[in-house]
Each structure stands twice: as C-alpha cells, then as structure tokens.
Amino acid sequence: MDFSQYSPAEQAQLQRVFEKKQMTDFIKMYSGIVEKCFTSCCNDFTSKSLTSKEDACIANCADKLLKHAERVGSRFAEQNAEAMKDAQR
C-alpha cells in the first residue's frame, strides 16, 4: 500500500492497523482450519491420542485447506494487480 501522502506518524499508525488486520485474518483462518479438520476427522473419543487414520485425515485436511487459501490469495493478488494496472491507464 502507498502511504506516501500521509505524515510519518500517520504512516506508522496505518501500518500498525494493517498488520493487526492481517494477524486477525490469519488467526481466523487458522481457527477455521482447526475446527473444520477436527470436526471432519476426529470421531473416536475413547482415547486421548489420535488414531493413525485421524492423524492422516487431519494432515490431508489441513494441507488441502492451506493450499486452497494460498490459491485464493494468489488469485486475489493477480486480480488486484490487474485492477491497479487498469486504474493507472
């Protein structure tokens, strides 16, 4: 983001707000992955340990959701770059 039109103090404040928003979004995504994978994969509560099947399911689930989030982020960045290029014309 271009904060050059703001004073240094305003730039620092905007940067802190931006970083806080990024952290909040990351925590929400992480919590969503944990909840979805736990709900989908953990079915046997007779032991405090995960079964090998549950462990593999969680690994696959988390991998799939993280790859999805990465792909969505990449597409968003591509769309944003294209929009910025169009706005400069």
N, C-alpha and C. Protein backbone atom coordinates (compact mmCIF):
# COMPACT_ATOMS: atom_id res chain seq x y z
N MET A 1 0.83 -1.18 0.00
CA MET A 1 0.00 0.00 0.00
C MET A 1 0.88 1.24 0.00
N ASP A 2 0.40 2.26 -0.65
CA ASP A 2 1.14 3.51 -0.73
C ASP A 2 0.61 4.49 0.31
N PHE A 3 1.41 4.72 1.33
CA PHE A 3 1.02 5.64 2.40
C PHE A 3 1.78 6.96 2.29
N SER A 4 2.39 7.25 1.14
CA SER A 4 3.26 8.40 1.00
C SER A 4 2.54 9.73 1.17
N GLN A 5 1.25 9.75 1.01
CA GLN A 5 0.51 11.02 1.16
C GLN A 5 0.28 11.38 2.62
N TYR A 6 0.62 10.47 3.54
CA TYR A 6 0.40 10.70 4.96
C TYR A 6 1.70 11.08 5.65
N SER A 7 1.57 11.70 6.81
CA SER A 7 2.75 12.05 7.61
C SER A 7 3.37 10.76 8.15
N PRO A 8 4.64 10.82 8.57
CA PRO A 8 5.28 9.62 9.12
C PRO A 8 4.51 9.00 10.29
N ALA A 9 3.96 9.82 11.15
CA ALA A 9 3.19 9.28 12.28
C ALA A 9 1.93 8.58 11.79
N GLU A 10 1.25 9.17 10.80
CA GLU A 10 0.06 8.55 10.23
C GLU A 10 0.42 7.26 9.50
N GLN A 11 1.56 7.27 8.80
CA GLN A 11 2.01 6.07 8.10
C GLN A 11 2.25 4.93 9.09
N ALA A 12 2.89 5.25 10.20
CA ALA A 12 3.17 4.23 11.21
C ALA A 12 1.87 3.68 11.79
N GLN A 13 0.91 4.57 12.05
CA GLN A 13 -0.38 4.15 12.59
C GLN A 13 -1.12 3.25 11.58
N LEU A 14 -1.14 3.65 10.33
CA LEU A 14 -1.80 2.85 9.29
C LEU A 14 -1.13 1.49 9.13
N GLN A 15 0.19 1.47 9.22
CA GLN A 15 0.92 0.21 9.11
C GLN A 15 0.55 -0.72 10.26
N ARG A 16 0.45 -0.17 11.48
CA ARG A 16 0.07 -0.99 12.63
C ARG A 16 -1.35 -1.54 12.46
N VAL A 17 -2.27 -0.72 11.96
CA VAL A 17 -3.64 -1.17 11.74
C VAL A 17 -3.66 -2.28 10.69
N PHE A 18 -2.91 -2.08 9.62
CA PHE A 18 -2.84 -3.07 8.54
C PHE A 18 -2.28 -4.39 9.05
N GLU A 19 -1.20 -4.34 9.84
CA GLU A 19 -0.59 -5.55 10.38
C GLU A 19 -1.52 -6.26 11.36
N LYS A 20 -2.25 -5.48 12.17
CA LYS A 20 -3.20 -6.07 13.11
C LYS A 20 -4.31 -6.79 12.36
N LYS A 21 -4.80 -6.18 11.28
CA LYS A 21 -5.85 -6.80 10.47
C LYS A 21 -5.33 -8.09 9.84
N GLN A 22 -4.11 -8.08 9.34
CA GLN A 22 -3.53 -9.30 8.77
C GLN A 22 -3.45 -10.41 9.82
N MET A 23 -3.02 -10.08 11.02
CA MET A 23 -2.90 -11.07 12.09
C MET A 23 -4.27 -11.61 12.47
N THR A 24 -5.25 -10.75 12.57
CA THR A 24 -6.61 -11.18 12.89
C THR A 24 -7.14 -12.12 11.82
N ASP A 25 -6.93 -11.77 10.56
CA ASP A 25 -7.37 -12.64 9.46
C ASP A 25 -6.67 -13.99 9.50
N PHE A 26 -5.37 -14.00 9.80
CA PHE A 26 -4.63 -15.25 9.88
C PHE A 26 -5.17 -16.12 11.01
N ILE A 27 -5.43 -15.53 12.16
CA ILE A 27 -5.94 -16.29 13.31
C ILE A 27 -7.32 -16.87 13.00
N LYS A 28 -8.16 -16.09 12.33
CA LYS A 28 -9.48 -16.60 11.94
C LYS A 28 -9.35 -17.77 10.97
N MET A 29 -8.45 -17.66 10.00
CA MET A 29 -8.25 -18.74 9.04
C MET A 29 -7.73 -19.99 9.76
N TYR A 30 -6.75 -19.83 10.61
CA TYR A 30 -6.17 -20.95 11.35
C TYR A 30 -7.23 -21.63 12.22
N SER A 31 -8.02 -20.83 12.93
CA SER A 31 -9.08 -21.39 13.78
C SER A 31 -10.11 -22.14 12.96
N GLY A 32 -10.44 -21.60 11.80
CA GLY A 32 -11.39 -22.27 10.92
C GLY A 32 -10.86 -23.61 10.43
N ILE A 33 -9.58 -23.66 10.09
CA ILE A 33 -8.97 -24.91 9.64
C ILE A 33 -8.98 -25.94 10.77
N VAL A 34 -8.61 -25.52 11.96
CA VAL A 34 -8.59 -26.43 13.11
C VAL A 34 -9.99 -26.99 13.35
N GLU A 35 -10.98 -26.11 13.37
CA GLU A 35 -12.36 -26.56 13.64
C GLU A 35 -12.88 -27.50 12.56
N LYS A 36 -12.67 -27.12 11.30
CA LYS A 36 -13.18 -27.95 10.20
C LYS A 36 -12.51 -29.32 10.19
N CYS A 37 -11.19 -29.34 10.32
CA CYS A 37 -10.48 -30.62 10.28
C CYS A 37 -10.79 -31.48 11.50
N PHE A 38 -10.89 -30.87 12.67
CA PHE A 38 -11.24 -31.63 13.87
C PHE A 38 -12.62 -32.25 13.72
N THR A 39 -13.58 -31.43 13.28
CA THR A 39 -14.95 -31.91 13.12
C THR A 39 -15.04 -33.03 12.08
N SER A 40 -14.29 -32.89 11.00
CA SER A 40 -14.33 -33.88 9.92
C SER A 40 -13.57 -35.16 10.24
N CYS A 41 -12.52 -35.05 11.02
CA CYS A 41 -11.59 -36.18 11.16
C CYS A 41 -11.60 -36.88 12.52
N CYS A 42 -11.96 -36.20 13.56
CA CYS A 42 -11.87 -36.79 14.90
C CYS A 42 -13.23 -37.33 15.33
N ASN A 43 -13.34 -38.66 15.34
CA ASN A 43 -14.61 -39.30 15.64
C ASN A 43 -14.54 -40.25 16.82
N ASP A 44 -13.36 -40.70 17.16
CA ASP A 44 -13.19 -41.70 18.21
C ASP A 44 -12.63 -41.01 19.46
N PHE A 45 -13.46 -40.88 20.48
CA PHE A 45 -13.04 -40.18 21.69
C PHE A 45 -12.80 -41.17 22.84
N THR A 46 -12.51 -42.43 22.49
CA THR A 46 -12.23 -43.42 23.52
C THR A 46 -10.78 -43.37 23.99
N SER A 47 -9.95 -42.60 23.29
CA SER A 47 -8.53 -42.47 23.64
C SER A 47 -8.15 -40.99 23.55
N LYS A 48 -7.15 -40.61 24.36
CA LYS A 48 -6.71 -39.22 24.28
C LYS A 48 -5.78 -38.97 23.11
N SER A 49 -5.34 -40.03 22.46
CA SER A 49 -4.45 -39.93 21.30
C SER A 49 -5.24 -40.09 20.02
N LEU A 50 -4.70 -39.48 18.96
CA LEU A 50 -5.30 -39.64 17.64
C LEU A 50 -4.96 -41.01 17.08
N THR A 51 -5.91 -41.60 16.36
CA THR A 51 -5.59 -42.83 15.65
C THR A 51 -4.78 -42.45 14.42
N SER A 52 -4.14 -43.43 13.81
CA SER A 52 -3.35 -43.13 12.61
C SER A 52 -4.27 -42.64 11.49
N LYS A 53 -5.48 -43.16 11.43
CA LYS A 53 -6.45 -42.72 10.42
C LYS A 53 -6.83 -41.25 10.65
N GLU A 54 -7.09 -40.88 11.90
CA GLU A 54 -7.43 -39.50 12.22
C GLU A 54 -6.25 -38.57 11.94
N ASP A 55 -5.06 -39.02 12.30
CA ASP A 55 -3.86 -38.22 12.07
C ASP A 55 -3.66 -37.94 10.58
N ALA A 56 -3.81 -38.97 9.75
CA ALA A 56 -3.67 -38.80 8.31
C ALA A 56 -4.78 -37.89 7.75
N CYS A 57 -5.99 -38.08 8.25
CA CYS A 57 -7.11 -37.25 7.81
C CYS A 57 -6.86 -35.78 8.12
N ILE A 58 -6.39 -35.49 9.32
CA ILE A 58 -6.12 -34.11 9.71
C ILE A 58 -5.02 -33.51 8.84
N ALA A 59 -3.96 -34.28 8.60
CA ALA A 59 -2.87 -33.79 7.76
C ALA A 59 -3.36 -33.47 6.35
N ASN A 60 -4.15 -34.37 5.78
CA ASN A 60 -4.70 -34.14 4.43
C ASN A 60 -5.66 -32.95 4.41
N CYS A 61 -6.52 -32.88 5.41
CA CYS A 61 -7.49 -31.79 5.51
C CYS A 61 -6.79 -30.43 5.60
N ALA A 62 -5.84 -30.33 6.52
CA ALA A 62 -5.12 -29.07 6.70
C ALA A 62 -4.35 -28.70 5.44
N ASP A 63 -3.71 -29.67 4.82
CA ASP A 63 -2.96 -29.41 3.59
C ASP A 63 -3.88 -28.89 2.50
N LYS A 64 -5.02 -29.51 2.35
CA LYS A 64 -5.98 -29.10 1.32
C LYS A 64 -6.49 -27.68 1.57
N LEU A 65 -6.84 -27.39 2.81
CA LEU A 65 -7.37 -26.06 3.13
C LEU A 65 -6.29 -24.98 3.00
N LEU A 66 -5.06 -25.29 3.38
CA LEU A 66 -3.98 -24.31 3.25
C LEU A 66 -3.65 -24.05 1.78
N LYS A 67 -3.66 -25.10 0.96
CA LYS A 67 -3.43 -24.91 -0.47
C LYS A 67 -4.55 -24.09 -1.10
N HIS A 68 -5.77 -24.33 -0.65
CA HIS A 68 -6.91 -23.55 -1.14
C HIS A 68 -6.73 -22.07 -0.77
N ALA A 69 -6.39 -21.80 0.48
CA ALA A 69 -6.20 -20.42 0.93
C ALA A 69 -5.07 -19.75 0.15
N GLU A 70 -4.00 -20.49 -0.12
CA GLU A 70 -2.88 -19.95 -0.88
C GLU A 70 -3.31 -19.61 -2.31
N ARG A 71 -4.08 -20.48 -2.91
CA ARG A 71 -4.56 -20.25 -4.28
C ARG A 71 -5.49 -19.06 -4.34
N VAL A 72 -6.40 -18.95 -3.39
CA VAL A 72 -7.31 -17.80 -3.35
C VAL A 72 -6.51 -16.51 -3.16
N GLY A 73 -5.53 -16.54 -2.29
CA GLY A 73 -4.68 -15.37 -2.08
C GLY A 73 -3.93 -14.97 -3.35
N SER A 74 -3.44 -15.96 -4.07
CA SER A 74 -2.72 -15.69 -5.33
C SER A 74 -3.66 -15.07 -6.36
N ARG A 75 -4.84 -15.63 -6.48
CA ARG A 75 -5.82 -15.09 -7.44
C ARG A 75 -6.22 -13.67 -7.05
N PHE A 76 -6.39 -13.42 -5.76
CA PHE A 76 -6.73 -12.08 -5.30
C PHE A 76 -5.61 -11.11 -5.65
N ALA A 77 -4.37 -11.51 -5.44
CA ALA A 77 -3.23 -10.65 -5.76
C ALA A 77 -3.18 -10.36 -7.26
N GLU A 78 -3.44 -11.39 -8.08
CA GLU A 78 -3.47 -11.19 -9.53
C GLU A 78 -4.56 -10.21 -9.94
N GLN A 79 -5.74 -10.39 -9.37
CA GLN A 79 -6.87 -9.51 -9.68
C GLN A 79 -6.57 -8.08 -9.23
N ASN A 80 -5.98 -7.94 -8.05
CA ASN A 80 -5.65 -6.63 -7.51
C ASN A 80 -4.60 -5.94 -8.38
N ALA A 81 -3.58 -6.68 -8.81
CA ALA A 81 -2.53 -6.11 -9.67
C ALA A 81 -3.13 -5.65 -11.00
N GLU A 82 -4.02 -6.44 -11.54
CA GLU A 82 -4.66 -6.07 -12.80
C GLU A 82 -5.53 -4.82 -12.63
N ALA A 83 -6.25 -4.74 -11.52
CA ALA A 83 -7.09 -3.58 -11.25
C ALA A 83 -6.24 -2.32 -11.08
N MET A 84 -5.09 -2.47 -10.43
CA MET A 84 -4.18 -1.32 -10.23
C MET A 84 -3.63 -0.87 -11.57
N LYS A 85 -3.29 -1.83 -12.44
CA LYS A 85 -2.76 -1.51 -13.76
C LYS A 85 -3.84 -0.78 -14.59
N ASP A 86 -5.07 -1.27 -14.51
CA ASP A 86 -6.17 -0.63 -15.23
C ASP A 86 -6.44 0.78 -14.71
N ALA A 87 -6.30 0.97 -13.40
CA ALA A 87 -6.55 2.28 -12.81
C ALA A 87 -5.50 3.31 -13.22
N GLN A 88 -4.30 2.84 -13.55
CA GLN A 88 -3.22 3.76 -13.94
C GLN A 88 -3.33 4.21 -15.38
N ARG A 89 -4.16 3.52 -16.14
CA ARG A 89 -4.31 3.89 -17.57
C ARG A 89 -5.15 5.11 -17.75
